[in-house]
Amino acid sequence: MSFALSRYQTTQVATASPLELVISLYDGALRFLREAVAADQAGEIAHRCDRLNRAHAIVDELLATLDASKAPELCAQLASLYEFVLHTISTCVREGTTEGLEPATRVLSSLRDGWVELRAARR
């Protein structure tokens, strides 16, 4: 990655709103899951594992940053969904496949769509 691109990406993250950051995290997790499936189909085992681990790290971060003091019921529901996704990804890593990822991908896509709708409503 070039220095200019790295600097641009750092600036984008530093100046993004919390809402934009959350949407970006979902985008990243979904991209990594798609890339894991493609790597699996191509027989690229190491790349599949790397992509699954990156998606797992993002969802783990989303889980870790929930603030139950502001919306306890919502946070509990999100935590349950994130834990499902994390369990699904971990199972895929352990079993060496991506066959079970579709439900987790649908959950993340649905959550992302909700955040995008919230962003649109705030504009």
PDB file of N, CA and C in Angstrom:
ATOM      1  N   MET A   1       0.848  -1.172   0.000  1.00  0.00           N
ATOM      2  CA  MET A   1       0.000   0.000   0.000  1.00  0.00           C
ATOM      3  C   MET A   1       0.895   1.237   0.000  1.00  0.00           C
ATOM      4  N   SER A   2       0.535   2.173  -0.806  1.00  0.00           N
ATOM      5  CA  SER A   2       1.343   3.382  -0.894  1.00  0.00           C
ATOM      6  C   SER A   2       1.150   4.252   0.351  1.00  0.00           C
ATOM      7  N   PHE A   3       2.118   5.101   0.587  1.00  0.00           N
ATOM      8  CA  PHE A   3       2.053   6.015   1.734  1.00  0.00           C
ATOM      9  C   PHE A   3       0.841   6.934   1.609  1.00  0.00           C
ATOM     10  N   ALA A   4       0.583   7.443   0.398  1.00  0.00           N
ATOM     11  CA  ALA A   4      -0.536   8.367   0.189  1.00  0.00           C
ATOM     12  C   ALA A   4      -1.870   7.682   0.485  1.00  0.00           C
ATOM     13  N   LEU A   5      -2.031   6.455   0.033  1.00  0.00           N
ATOM     14  CA  LEU A   5      -3.270   5.730   0.283  1.00  0.00           C
ATOM     15  C   LEU A   5      -3.435   5.455   1.773  1.00  0.00           C
ATOM     16  N   SER A   6      -2.360   5.059   2.420  1.00  0.00           N
ATOM     17  CA  SER A   6      -2.402   4.803   3.858  1.00  0.00           C
ATOM     18  C   SER A   6      -2.792   6.064   4.619  1.00  0.00           C
ATOM     19  N   ARG A   7      -2.217   7.158   4.240  1.00  0.00           N
ATOM     20  CA  ARG A   7      -2.509   8.443   4.891  1.00  0.00           C
ATOM     21  C   ARG A   7      -3.969   8.849   4.675  1.00  0.00           C
ATOM     22  N   TYR A   8      -4.474   8.647   3.450  1.00  0.00           N
ATOM     23  CA  TYR A   8      -5.868   8.958   3.123  1.00  0.00           C
ATOM     24  C   TYR A   8      -6.812   8.118   3.983  1.00  0.00           C
ATOM     25  N   GLN A   9      -6.526   6.820   4.093  1.00  0.00           N
ATOM     26  CA  GLN A   9      -7.381   5.938   4.880  1.00  0.00           C
ATOM     27  C   GLN A   9      -7.358   6.324   6.356  1.00  0.00           C
ATOM     28  N   THR A  10      -6.224   6.686   6.865  1.00  0.00           N
ATOM     29  CA  THR A  10      -6.114   7.118   8.250  1.00  0.00           C
ATOM     30  C   THR A  10      -6.944   8.374   8.483  1.00  0.00           C
ATOM     31  N   THR A  11      -6.900   9.306   7.554  1.00  0.00           N
ATOM     32  CA  THR A  11      -7.682  10.540   7.655  1.00  0.00           C
ATOM     33  C   THR A  11      -9.174  10.240   7.597  1.00  0.00           C
ATOM     34  N   GLN A  12      -9.572   9.315   6.723  1.00  0.00           N
ATOM     35  CA  GLN A  12     -10.980   8.948   6.615  1.00  0.00           C
ATOM     36  C   GLN A  12     -11.502   8.410   7.948  1.00  0.00           C
ATOM     37  N   VAL A  13     -10.754   7.556   8.587  1.00  0.00           N
ATOM     38  CA  VAL A  13     -11.162   6.972   9.861  1.00  0.00           C
ATOM     39  C   VAL A  13     -11.188   8.041  10.947  1.00  0.00           C
ATOM     40  N   ALA A  14     -10.183   8.887  10.969  1.00  0.00           N
ATOM     41  CA  ALA A  14     -10.081   9.906  12.016  1.00  0.00           C
ATOM     42  C   ALA A  14     -11.196  10.946  11.934  1.00  0.00           C
ATOM     43  N   THR A  15     -11.718  11.187  10.741  1.00  0.00           N
ATOM     44  CA  THR A  15     -12.736  12.221  10.576  1.00  0.00           C
ATOM     45  C   THR A  15     -14.150  11.674  10.439  1.00  0.00           C
ATOM     46  N   ALA A  16     -14.309  10.366  10.432  1.00  0.00           N
ATOM     47  CA  ALA A  16     -15.633   9.765  10.271  1.00  0.00           C
ATOM     48  C   ALA A  16     -16.434   9.868  11.565  1.00  0.00           C
ATOM     49  N   SER A  17     -17.744   9.966  11.395  1.00  0.00           N
ATOM     50  CA  SER A  17     -18.628   9.960  12.564  1.00  0.00           C
ATOM     51  C   SER A  17     -18.702   8.543  13.128  1.00  0.00           C
ATOM     52  N   PRO A  18     -19.124   8.409  14.381  1.00  0.00           N
ATOM     53  CA  PRO A  18     -19.278   7.059  14.936  1.00  0.00           C
ATOM     54  C   PRO A  18     -20.204   6.177  14.088  1.00  0.00           C
ATOM     55  N   LEU A  19     -21.257   6.764  13.559  1.00  0.00           N
ATOM     56  CA  LEU A  19     -22.186   6.022  12.710  1.00  0.00           C
ATOM     57  C   LEU A  19     -21.486   5.516  11.448  1.00  0.00           C
ATOM     58  N   GLU A  20     -20.689   6.370  10.827  1.00  0.00           N
ATOM     59  CA  GLU A  20     -19.945   5.972   9.633  1.00  0.00           C
ATOM     60  C   GLU A  20     -18.932   4.875   9.962  1.00  0.00           C
ATOM     61  N   LEU A  21     -18.313   4.953  11.122  1.00  0.00           N
ATOM     62  CA  LEU A  21     -17.354   3.927  11.522  1.00  0.00           C
ATOM     63  C   LEU A  21     -18.032   2.571  11.703  1.00  0.00           C
ATOM     64  N   VAL A  22     -19.206   2.571  12.314  1.00  0.00           N
ATOM     65  CA  VAL A  22     -19.934   1.315  12.508  1.00  0.00           C
ATOM     66  C   VAL A  22     -20.286   0.700  11.158  1.00  0.00           C
ATOM     67  N   ILE A  23     -20.783   1.517  10.242  1.00  0.00           N
ATOM     68  CA  ILE A  23     -21.126   1.023   8.908  1.00  0.00           C
ATOM     69  C   ILE A  23     -19.875   0.488   8.208  1.00  0.00           C
ATOM     70  N   SER A  24     -18.762   1.175   8.370  1.00  0.00           N
ATOM     71  CA  SER A  24     -17.502   0.712   7.777  1.00  0.00           C
ATOM     72  C   SER A  24     -17.063  -0.623   8.364  1.00  0.00           C
ATOM     73  N   LEU A  25     -17.274  -0.803   9.656  1.00  0.00           N
ATOM     74  CA  LEU A  25     -16.935  -2.086  10.272  1.00  0.00           C
ATOM     75  C   LEU A  25     -17.787  -3.216   9.693  1.00  0.00           C
ATOM     76  N   TYR A  26     -19.077  -2.971   9.549  1.00  0.00           N
ATOM     77  CA  TYR A  26     -19.941  -3.975   8.920  1.00  0.00           C
ATOM     78  C   TYR A  26     -19.475  -4.258   7.488  1.00  0.00           C
ATOM     79  N   ASP A  27     -19.176  -3.198   6.743  1.00  0.00           N
ATOM     80  CA  ASP A  27     -18.701  -3.376   5.362  1.00  0.00           C
ATOM     81  C   ASP A  27     -17.449  -4.249   5.333  1.00  0.00           C
ATOM     82  N   GLY A  28     -16.530  -3.979   6.255  1.00  0.00           N
ATOM     83  CA  GLY A  28     -15.297  -4.753   6.303  1.00  0.00           C
ATOM     84  C   GLY A  28     -15.548  -6.206   6.644  1.00  0.00           C
ATOM     85  N   ALA A  29     -16.380  -6.455   7.641  1.00  0.00           N
ATOM     86  CA  ALA A  29     -16.675  -7.838   8.026  1.00  0.00           C
ATOM     87  C   ALA A  29     -17.333  -8.592   6.883  1.00  0.00           C
ATOM     88  N   LEU A  30     -18.289  -7.947   6.227  1.00  0.00           N
ATOM     89  CA  LEU A  30     -18.965  -8.602   5.101  1.00  0.00           C
ATOM     90  C   LEU A  30     -18.004  -8.844   3.941  1.00  0.00           C
ATOM     91  N   ARG A  31     -17.121  -7.892   3.681  1.00  0.00           N
ATOM     92  CA  ARG A  31     -16.129  -8.074   2.613  1.00  0.00           C
ATOM     93  C   ARG A  31     -15.214  -9.255   2.935  1.00  0.00           C
ATOM     94  N   PHE A  32     -14.749  -9.341   4.169  1.00  0.00           N
ATOM     95  CA  PHE A  32     -13.874 -10.440   4.555  1.00  0.00           C
ATOM     96  C   PHE A  32     -14.595 -11.787   4.456  1.00  0.00           C
ATOM     97  N   LEU A  33     -15.867 -11.826   4.796  1.00  0.00           N
ATOM     98  CA  LEU A  33     -16.611 -13.082   4.666  1.00  0.00           C
ATOM     99  C   LEU A  33     -16.754 -13.488   3.197  1.00  0.00           C
ATOM    100  N   ARG A  34     -17.045 -12.524   2.332  1.00  0.00           N
ATOM    101  CA  ARG A  34     -17.119 -12.824   0.882  1.00  0.00           C
ATOM    102  C   ARG A  34     -15.773 -13.310   0.367  1.00  0.00           C
ATOM    103  N   GLU A  35     -14.705 -12.653   0.802  1.00  0.00           N
ATOM    104  CA  GLU A  35     -13.363 -13.046   0.367  1.00  0.00           C
ATOM    105  C   GLU A  35     -13.002 -14.438   0.902  1.00  0.00           C
ATOM    106  N   ALA A  36     -13.471 -14.773   2.097  1.00  0.00           N
ATOM    107  CA  ALA A  36     -13.222 -16.109   2.648  1.00  0.00           C
ATOM    108  C   ALA A  36     -13.896 -17.174   1.799  1.00  0.00           C
ATOM    109  N   VAL A  37     -15.123 -16.901   1.384  1.00  0.00           N
ATOM    110  CA  VAL A  37     -15.842 -17.858   0.532  1.00  0.00           C
ATOM    111  C   VAL A  37     -15.107 -18.023  -0.801  1.00  0.00           C
ATOM    112  N   ALA A  38     -14.682 -16.909  -1.394  1.00  0.00           N
ATOM    113  CA  ALA A  38     -13.957 -16.978  -2.670  1.00  0.00           C
ATOM    114  C   ALA A  38     -12.644 -17.749  -2.504  1.00  0.00           C
ATOM    115  N   ALA A  39     -11.938 -17.511  -1.417  1.00  0.00           N
ATOM    116  CA  ALA A  39     -10.682 -18.218  -1.164  1.00  0.00           C
ATOM    117  C   ALA A  39     -10.938 -19.708  -0.968  1.00  0.00           C
ATOM    118  N   ASP A  40     -12.017 -20.029  -0.273  1.00  0.00           N
ATOM    119  CA  ASP A  40     -12.370 -21.425  -0.053  1.00  0.00           C
ATOM    120  C   ASP A  40     -12.642 -22.114  -1.393  1.00  0.00           C
ATOM    121  N   GLN A  41     -13.375 -21.447  -2.257  1.00  0.00           N
ATOM    122  CA  GLN A  41     -13.700 -22.015  -3.571  1.00  0.00           C
ATOM    123  C   GLN A  41     -12.452 -22.183  -4.429  1.00  0.00           C
ATOM    124  N   ALA A  42     -11.477 -21.308  -4.222  1.00  0.00           N
ATOM    125  CA  ALA A  42     -10.228 -21.383  -4.987  1.00  0.00           C
ATOM    126  C   ALA A  42      -9.212 -22.332  -4.335  1.00  0.00           C
ATOM    127  N   GLY A  43      -9.563 -22.887  -3.197  1.00  0.00           N
ATOM    128  CA  GLY A  43      -8.652 -23.791  -2.505  1.00  0.00           C
ATOM    129  C   GLY A  43      -7.512 -23.100  -1.788  1.00  0.00           C
ATOM    130  N   GLU A  44      -7.664 -21.807  -1.521  1.00  0.00           N
ATOM    131  CA  GLU A  44      -6.637 -21.016  -0.841  1.00  0.00           C
ATOM    132  C   GLU A  44      -6.905 -21.038   0.664  1.00  0.00           C
ATOM    133  N   ILE A  45      -6.447 -22.078   1.299  1.00  0.00           N
ATOM    134  CA  ILE A  45      -6.777 -22.337   2.702  1.00  0.00           C
ATOM    135  C   ILE A  45      -6.253 -21.237   3.633  1.00  0.00           C
ATOM    136  N   ALA A  46      -5.013 -20.842   3.467  1.00  0.00           N
ATOM    137  CA  ALA A  46      -4.431 -19.824   4.347  1.00  0.00           C
ATOM    138  C   ALA A  46      -5.171 -18.496   4.197  1.00  0.00           C
ATOM    139  N   HIS A  47      -5.513 -18.149   2.960  1.00  0.00           N
ATOM    140  CA  HIS A  47      -6.229 -16.890   2.718  1.00  0.00           C
ATOM    141  C   HIS A  47      -7.634 -16.968   3.318  1.00  0.00           C
ATOM    142  N   ARG A  48      -8.291 -18.121   3.183  1.00  0.00           N
ATOM    143  CA  ARG A  48      -9.621 -18.307   3.781  1.00  0.00           C
ATOM    144  C   ARG A  48      -9.545 -18.093   5.287  1.00  0.00           C
ATOM    145  N   CYS A  49      -8.575 -18.700   5.929  1.00  0.00           N
ATOM    146  CA  CYS A  49      -8.425 -18.562   7.387  1.00  0.00           C
ATOM    147  C   CYS A  49      -8.152 -17.116   7.789  1.00  0.00           C
ATOM    148  N   ASP A  50      -7.291 -16.451   7.029  1.00  0.00           N
ATOM    149  CA  ASP A  50      -6.982 -15.051   7.313  1.00  0.00           C
ATOM    150  C   ASP A  50      -8.235 -14.186   7.222  1.00  0.00           C
ATOM    151  N   ARG A  51      -9.012 -14.370   6.174  1.00  0.00           N
ATOM    152  CA  ARG A  51     -10.228 -13.569   5.991  1.00  0.00           C
ATOM    153  C   ARG A  51     -11.256 -13.854   7.089  1.00  0.00           C
ATOM    154  N   LEU A  52     -11.409 -15.122   7.453  1.00  0.00           N
ATOM    155  CA  LEU A  52     -12.336 -15.463   8.537  1.00  0.00           C
ATOM    156  C   LEU A  52     -11.875 -14.845   9.852  1.00  0.00           C
ATOM    157  N   ASN A  53     -10.580 -14.890  10.108  1.00  0.00           N
ATOM    158  CA  ASN A  53     -10.048 -14.296  11.341  1.00  0.00           C
ATOM    159  C   ASN A  53     -10.234 -12.792  11.369  1.00  0.00           C
ATOM    160  N   ARG A  54     -10.086 -12.140  10.231  1.00  0.00           N
ATOM    161  CA  ARG A  54     -10.293 -10.688  10.181  1.00  0.00           C
ATOM    162  C   ARG A  54     -11.758 -10.329  10.425  1.00  0.00           C
ATOM    163  N   ALA A  55     -12.664 -11.097   9.802  1.00  0.00           N
ATOM    164  CA  ALA A  55     -14.094 -10.862  10.034  1.00  0.00           C
ATOM    165  C   ALA A  55     -14.428 -11.085  11.508  1.00  0.00           C
ATOM    166  N   HIS A  56     -13.867 -12.127  12.083  1.00  0.00           N
ATOM    167  CA  HIS A  56     -14.089 -12.430  13.505  1.00  0.00           C
ATOM    168  C   HIS A  56     -13.619 -11.268  14.377  1.00  0.00           C
ATOM    169  N   ALA A  57     -12.452 -10.721  14.068  1.00  0.00           N
ATOM    170  CA  ALA A  57     -11.908  -9.605  14.857  1.00  0.00           C
ATOM    171  C   ALA A  57     -12.824  -8.383  14.800  1.00  0.00           C
ATOM    172  N   ILE A  58     -13.389  -8.122  13.643  1.00  0.00           N
ATOM    173  CA  ILE A  58     -14.285  -6.966  13.509  1.00  0.00           C
ATOM    174  C   ILE A  58     -15.544  -7.169  14.333  1.00  0.00           C
ATOM    175  N   VAL A  59     -16.154  -8.334  14.213  1.00  0.00           N
ATOM    176  CA  VAL A  59     -17.384  -8.601  14.974  1.00  0.00           C
ATOM    177  C   VAL A  59     -17.086  -8.619  16.468  1.00  0.00           C
ATOM    178  N   ASP A  60     -15.943  -9.135  16.837  1.00  0.00           N
ATOM    179  CA  ASP A  60     -15.530  -9.119  18.242  1.00  0.00           C
ATOM    180  C   ASP A  60     -15.407  -7.681  18.750  1.00  0.00           C
ATOM    181  N   GLU A  61     -14.884  -6.800  17.923  1.00  0.00           N
ATOM    182  CA  GLU A  61     -14.776  -5.381  18.291  1.00  0.00           C
ATOM    183  C   GLU A  61     -16.157  -4.747  18.424  1.00  0.00           C
ATOM    184  N   LEU A  62     -17.066  -5.072  17.504  1.00  0.00           N
ATOM    185  CA  LEU A  62     -18.437  -4.557  17.605  1.00  0.00           C
ATOM    186  C   LEU A  62     -19.079  -5.005  18.924  1.00  0.00           C
ATOM    187  N   LEU A  63     -18.858  -6.248  19.291  1.00  0.00           N
ATOM    188  CA  LEU A  63     -19.391  -6.775  20.551  1.00  0.00           C
ATOM    189  C   LEU A  63     -18.768  -6.066  21.747  1.00  0.00           C
ATOM    190  N   ALA A  64     -17.466  -5.876  21.711  1.00  0.00           N
ATOM    191  CA  ALA A  64     -16.756  -5.277  22.841  1.00  0.00           C
ATOM    192  C   ALA A  64     -17.137  -3.818  23.070  1.00  0.00           C
ATOM    193  N   THR A  65     -17.586  -3.136  22.046  1.00  0.00           N
ATOM    194  CA  THR A  65     -17.882  -1.707  22.182  1.00  0.00           C
ATOM    195  C   THR A  65     -19.342  -1.404  22.474  1.00  0.00           C
ATOM    196  N   LEU A  66     -20.156  -2.437  22.665  1.00  0.00           N
ATOM    197  CA  LEU A  66     -21.550  -2.181  23.041  1.00  0.00           C
ATOM    198  C   LEU A  66     -21.585  -1.494  24.404  1.00  0.00           C
ATOM    199  N   ASP A  67     -22.433  -0.483  24.530  1.00  0.00           N
ATOM    200  CA  ASP A  67     -22.565   0.261  25.774  1.00  0.00           C
ATOM    201  C   ASP A  67     -23.966   0.046  26.338  1.00  0.00           C
ATOM    202  N   ALA A  68     -24.091  -0.957  27.182  1.00  0.00           N
ATOM    203  CA  ALA A  68     -25.401  -1.335  27.720  1.00  0.00           C
ATOM    204  C   ALA A  68     -26.007  -0.269  28.629  1.00  0.00           C
ATOM    205  N   SER A  69     -25.218   0.691  29.062  1.00  0.00           N
ATOM    206  CA  SER A  69     -25.771   1.732  29.937  1.00  0.00           C
ATOM    207  C   SER A  69     -26.703   2.663  29.168  1.00  0.00           C
ATOM    208  N   LYS A  70     -26.572   2.714  27.860  1.00  0.00           N
ATOM    209  CA  LYS A  70     -27.398   3.619  27.061  1.00  0.00           C
ATOM    210  C   LYS A  70     -28.654   2.950  26.509  1.00  0.00           C
ATOM    211  N   ALA A  71     -28.565   1.672  26.170  1.00  0.00           N
ATOM    212  CA  ALA A  71     -29.712   0.949  25.610  1.00  0.00           C
ATOM    213  C   ALA A  71     -29.558  -0.533  25.944  1.00  0.00           C
ATOM    214  N   PRO A  72     -29.870  -0.914  27.182  1.00  0.00           N
ATOM    215  CA  PRO A  72     -29.590  -2.279  27.621  1.00  0.00           C
ATOM    216  C   PRO A  72     -30.276  -3.373  26.795  1.00  0.00           C
ATOM    217  N   GLU A  73     -31.537  -3.176  26.435  1.00  0.00           N
ATOM    218  CA  GLU A  73     -32.240  -4.213  25.671  1.00  0.00           C
ATOM    219  C   GLU A  73     -31.652  -4.356  24.272  1.00  0.00           C
ATOM    220  N   LEU A  74     -31.409  -3.239  23.623  1.00  0.00           N
ATOM    221  CA  LEU A  74     -30.823  -3.280  22.285  1.00  0.00           C
ATOM    222  C   LEU A  74     -29.445  -3.922  22.330  1.00  0.00           C
ATOM    223  N   CYS A  75     -28.650  -3.545  23.304  1.00  0.00           N
ATOM    224  CA  CYS A  75     -27.305  -4.115  23.428  1.00  0.00           C
ATOM    225  C   CYS A  75     -27.358  -5.616  23.666  1.00  0.00           C
ATOM    226  N   ALA A  76     -28.308  -6.066  24.459  1.00  0.00           N
ATOM    227  CA  ALA A  76     -28.445  -7.501  24.712  1.00  0.00           C
ATOM    228  C   ALA A  76     -28.798  -8.237  23.417  1.00  0.00           C
ATOM    229  N   GLN A  77     -29.681  -7.650  22.630  1.00  0.00           N
ATOM    230  CA  GLN A  77     -30.057  -8.272  21.350  1.00  0.00           C
ATOM    231  C   GLN A  77     -28.882  -8.287  20.385  1.00  0.00           C
ATOM    232  N   LEU A  78     -28.174  -7.159  20.288  1.00  0.00           N
ATOM    233  CA  LEU A  78     -27.007  -7.102  19.412  1.00  0.00           C
ATOM    234  C   LEU A  78     -25.931  -8.075  19.870  1.00  0.00           C
ATOM    235  N   ALA A  79     -25.715  -8.156  21.182  1.00  0.00           N
ATOM    236  CA  ALA A  79     -24.711  -9.083  21.710  1.00  0.00           C
ATOM    237  C   ALA A  79     -25.045 -10.516  21.318  1.00  0.00           C
ATOM    238  N   SER A  80     -26.303 -10.867  21.396  1.00  0.00           N
ATOM    239  CA  SER A  80     -26.728 -12.217  21.024  1.00  0.00           C
ATOM    240  C   SER A  80     -26.463 -12.483  19.536  1.00  0.00           C
ATOM    241  N   LEU A  81     -26.764 -11.511  18.702  1.00  0.00           N
ATOM    242  CA  LEU A  81     -26.512 -11.659  17.264  1.00  0.00           C
ATOM    243  C   LEU A  81     -25.017 -11.733  16.971  1.00  0.00           C
ATOM    244  N   TYR A  82     -24.237 -10.872  17.603  1.00  0.00           N
ATOM    245  CA  TYR A  82     -22.782 -10.901  17.395  1.00  0.00           C
ATOM    246  C   TYR A  82     -22.196 -12.233  17.856  1.00  0.00           C
ATOM    247  N   GLU A  83     -22.671 -12.738  18.984  1.00  0.00           N
ATOM    248  CA  GLU A  83     -22.169 -14.024  19.480  1.00  0.00           C
ATOM    249  C   GLU A  83     -22.511 -15.157  18.523  1.00  0.00           C
ATOM    250  N   PHE A  84     -23.694 -15.096  17.911  1.00  0.00           N
ATOM    251  CA  PHE A  84     -24.057 -16.082  16.899  1.00  0.00           C
ATOM    252  C   PHE A  84     -23.084 -16.019  15.721  1.00  0.00           C
ATOM    253  N   VAL A  85     -22.814 -14.811  15.246  1.00  0.00           N
ATOM    254  CA  VAL A  85     -21.899 -14.637  14.117  1.00  0.00           C
ATOM    255  C   VAL A  85     -20.501 -15.128  14.494  1.00  0.00           C
ATOM    256  N   LEU A  86     -20.029 -14.763  15.674  1.00  0.00           N
ATOM    257  CA  LEU A  86     -18.707 -15.203  16.121  1.00  0.00           C
ATOM    258  C   LEU A  86     -18.627 -16.726  16.214  1.00  0.00           C
ATOM    259  N   HIS A  87     -19.667 -17.331  16.750  1.00  0.00           N
ATOM    260  CA  HIS A  87     -19.701 -18.799  16.862  1.00  0.00           C
ATOM    261  C   HIS A  87     -19.675 -19.435  15.465  1.00  0.00           C
ATOM    262  N   THR A  88     -20.437 -18.865  14.543  1.00  0.00           N
ATOM    263  CA  THR A  88     -20.484 -19.392  13.180  1.00  0.00           C
ATOM    264  C   THR A  88     -19.119 -19.299  12.508  1.00  0.00           C
ATOM    265  N   ILE A  89     -18.470 -18.146  12.643  1.00  0.00           N
ATOM    266  CA  ILE A  89     -17.145 -17.976  12.045  1.00  0.00           C
ATOM    267  C   ILE A  89     -16.154 -18.946  12.685  1.00  0.00           C
ATOM    268  N   SER A  90     -16.185 -19.063  13.995  1.00  0.00           N
ATOM    269  CA  SER A  90     -15.271 -19.978  14.692  1.00  0.00           C
ATOM    270  C   SER A  90     -15.485 -21.420  14.243  1.00  0.00           C
ATOM    271  N   THR A  91     -16.722 -21.800  14.064  1.00  0.00           N
ATOM    272  CA  THR A  91     -17.030 -23.146  13.587  1.00  0.00           C
ATOM    273  C   THR A  91     -16.454 -23.364  12.193  1.00  0.00           C
ATOM    274  N   CYS A  92     -16.591 -22.379  11.328  1.00  0.00           N
ATOM    275  CA  CYS A  92     -16.045 -22.491   9.975  1.00  0.00           C
ATOM    276  C   CYS A  92     -14.516 -22.616  10.009  1.00  0.00           C
ATOM    277  N   VAL A  93     -13.880 -21.852  10.858  1.00  0.00           N
ATOM    278  CA  VAL A  93     -12.422 -21.944  10.983  1.00  0.00           C
ATOM    279  C   VAL A  93     -12.033 -23.338  11.465  1.00  0.00           C
ATOM    280  N   ARG A  94     -12.697 -23.802  12.498  1.00  0.00           N
ATOM    281  CA  ARG A  94     -12.390 -25.106  13.085  1.00  0.00           C
ATOM    282  C   ARG A  94     -12.638 -26.249  12.091  1.00  0.00           C
ATOM    283  N   GLU A  95     -13.725 -26.142  11.311  1.00  0.00           N
ATOM    284  CA  GLU A  95     -14.073 -27.211  10.380  1.00  0.00           C
ATOM    285  C   GLU A  95     -13.418 -27.059   9.012  1.00  0.00           C
ATOM    286  N   GLY A  96     -12.749 -25.934   8.786  1.00  0.00           N
ATOM    287  CA  GLY A  96     -12.052 -25.722   7.530  1.00  0.00           C
ATOM    288  C   GLY A  96     -12.975 -25.556   6.335  1.00  0.00           C
ATOM    289  N   THR A  97     -14.045 -24.815   6.539  1.00  0.00           N
ATOM    290  CA  THR A  97     -15.018 -24.614   5.472  1.00  0.00           C
ATOM    291  C   THR A  97     -15.662 -23.238   5.604  1.00  0.00           C
ATOM    292  N   THR A  98     -16.395 -22.851   4.582  1.00  0.00           N
ATOM    293  CA  THR A  98     -17.189 -21.625   4.650  1.00  0.00           C
ATOM    294  C   THR A  98     -18.661 -21.927   4.392  1.00  0.00           C
ATOM    295  N   GLU A  99     -19.008 -23.202   4.352  1.00  0.00           N
ATOM    296  CA  GLU A  99     -20.373 -23.606   4.008  1.00  0.00           C
ATOM    297  C   GLU A  99     -21.441 -23.069   4.946  1.00  0.00           C
ATOM    298  N   GLY A 100     -21.141 -22.869   6.192  1.00  0.00           N
ATOM    299  CA  GLY A 100     -22.142 -22.407   7.150  1.00  0.00           C
ATOM    300  C   GLY A 100     -22.202 -20.914   7.349  1.00  0.00           C
ATOM    301  N   LEU A 101     -21.541 -20.138   6.496  1.00  0.00           N
ATOM    302  CA  LEU A 101     -21.460 -18.692   6.713  1.00  0.00           C
ATOM    303  C   LEU A 101     -22.704 -17.911   6.310  1.00  0.00           C
ATOM    304  N   GLU A 102     -23.538 -18.457   5.472  1.00  0.00           N
ATOM    305  CA  GLU A 102     -24.664 -17.681   4.931  1.00  0.00           C
ATOM    306  C   GLU A 102     -25.562 -17.075   6.013  1.00  0.00           C
ATOM    307  N   PRO A 103     -25.960 -17.816   7.046  1.00  0.00           N
ATOM    308  CA  PRO A 103     -26.795 -17.182   8.082  1.00  0.00           C
ATOM    309  C   PRO A 103     -26.093 -16.014   8.784  1.00  0.00           C
ATOM    310  N   ALA A 104     -24.814 -16.151   9.049  1.00  0.00           N
ATOM    311  CA  ALA A 104     -24.058 -15.068   9.690  1.00  0.00           C
ATOM    312  C   ALA A 104     -23.959 -13.863   8.762  1.00  0.00           C
ATOM    313  N   THR A 105     -23.762 -14.128   7.487  1.00  0.00           N
ATOM    314  CA  THR A 105     -23.689 -13.044   6.513  1.00  0.00           C
ATOM    315  C   THR A 105     -25.018 -12.302   6.427  1.00  0.00           C
ATOM    316  N   ARG A 106     -26.117 -13.048   6.450  1.00  0.00           N
ATOM    317  CA  ARG A 106     -27.445 -12.410   6.415  1.00  0.00           C
ATOM    318  C   ARG A 106     -27.671 -11.546   7.644  1.00  0.00           C
ATOM    319  N   VAL A 107     -27.243 -12.024   8.815  1.00  0.00           N
ATOM    320  CA  VAL A 107     -27.396 -11.243  10.044  1.00  0.00           C
ATOM    321  C   VAL A 107     -26.620  -9.937   9.934  1.00  0.00           C
ATOM    322  N   LEU A 108     -25.360 -10.015   9.530  1.00  0.00           N
ATOM    323  CA  LEU A 108     -24.544  -8.805   9.418  1.00  0.00           C
ATOM    324  C   LEU A 108     -25.096  -7.856   8.358  1.00  0.00           C
ATOM    325  N   SER A 109     -25.566  -8.393   7.243  1.00  0.00           N
ATOM    326  CA  SER A 109     -26.139  -7.546   6.187  1.00  0.00           C
ATOM    327  C   SER A 109     -27.379  -6.818   6.679  1.00  0.00           C
ATOM    328  N   SER A 110     -28.208  -7.527   7.408  1.00  0.00           N
ATOM    329  CA  SER A 110     -29.428  -6.925   7.941  1.00  0.00           C
ATOM    330  C   SER A 110     -29.102  -5.821   8.951  1.00  0.00           C
ATOM    331  N   LEU A 111     -28.140  -6.089   9.825  1.00  0.00           N
ATOM    332  CA  LEU A 111     -27.729  -5.071  10.796  1.00  0.00           C
ATOM    333  C   LEU A 111     -27.134  -3.860  10.096  1.00  0.00           C
ATOM    334  N   ARG A 112     -26.299  -4.105   9.099  1.00  0.00           N
ATOM    335  CA  ARG A 112     -25.704  -3.004   8.341  1.00  0.00           C
ATOM    336  C   ARG A 112     -26.796  -2.154   7.688  1.00  0.00           C
ATOM    337  N   ASP A 113     -27.777  -2.816   7.104  1.00  0.00           N
ATOM    338  CA  ASP A 113     -28.869  -2.079   6.459  1.00  0.00           C
ATOM    339  C   ASP A 113     -29.601  -1.192   7.464  1.00  0.00           C
ATOM    340  N   GLY A 114     -29.755  -1.685   8.678  1.00  0.00           N
ATOM    341  CA  GLY A 114     -30.394  -0.869   9.716  1.00  0.00           C
ATOM    342  C   GLY A 114     -29.596   0.382  10.041  1.00  0.00           C
ATOM    343  N   TRP A 115     -28.281   0.250  10.117  1.00  0.00           N
ATOM    344  CA  TRP A 115     -27.434   1.419  10.388  1.00  0.00           C
ATOM    345  C   TRP A 115     -27.464   2.394   9.217  1.00  0.00           C
ATOM    346  N   VAL A 116     -27.520   1.874   8.007  1.00  0.00           N
ATOM    347  CA  VAL A 116     -27.600   2.745   6.823  1.00  0.00           C
ATOM    348  C   VAL A 116     -28.920   3.517   6.832  1.00  0.00           C
ATOM    349  N   GLU A 117     -30.006   2.847   7.208  1.00  0.00           N
ATOM    350  CA  GLU A 117     -31.298   3.537   7.309  1.00  0.00           C
ATOM    351  C   GLU A 117     -31.258   4.626   8.373  1.00  0.00           C
ATOM    352  N   LEU A 118     -30.607   4.338   9.485  1.00  0.00           N
ATOM    353  CA  LEU A 118     -30.467   5.347  10.547  1.00  0.00           C
ATOM    354  C   LEU A 118     -29.699   6.555  10.025  1.00  0.00           C
ATOM    355  N   ARG A 119     -28.611   6.298   9.292  1.00  0.00           N
ATOM    356  CA  ARG A 119     -27.835   7.400   8.713  1.00  0.00           C
ATOM    357  C   ARG A 119     -28.692   8.240   7.784  1.00  0.00           C
ATOM    358  N   ALA A 120     -29.494   7.599   6.939  1.00  0.00           N
ATOM    359  CA  ALA A 120     -30.346   8.324   6.009  1.00  0.00           C
ATOM    360  C   ALA A 120     -31.402   9.151   6.744  1.00  0.00           C
ATOM    361  N   ALA A 121     -31.929   8.622   7.833  1.00  0.00           N
ATOM    362  CA  ALA A 121     -32.948   9.326   8.604  1.00  0.00           C
ATOM    363  C   ALA A 121     -32.387  10.552   9.291  1.00  0.00           C
ATOM    364  N   ARG A 122     -31.097  10.532   9.603  1.00  0.00           N
ATOM    365  CA  ARG A 122     -30.459  11.664  10.294  1.00  0.00           C
ATOM    366  C   ARG A 122     -30.060  12.788   9.349  1.00  0.00           C
ATOM    367  N   ARG A 123     -30.082  12.528   8.084  1.00  0.00           N
ATOM    368  CA  ARG A 123     -29.652  13.569   7.125  1.00  0.00           C
ATOM    369  C   ARG A 123     -30.762  14.503   6.769  1.00  0.00           C
TER     370      ARG A 123
END
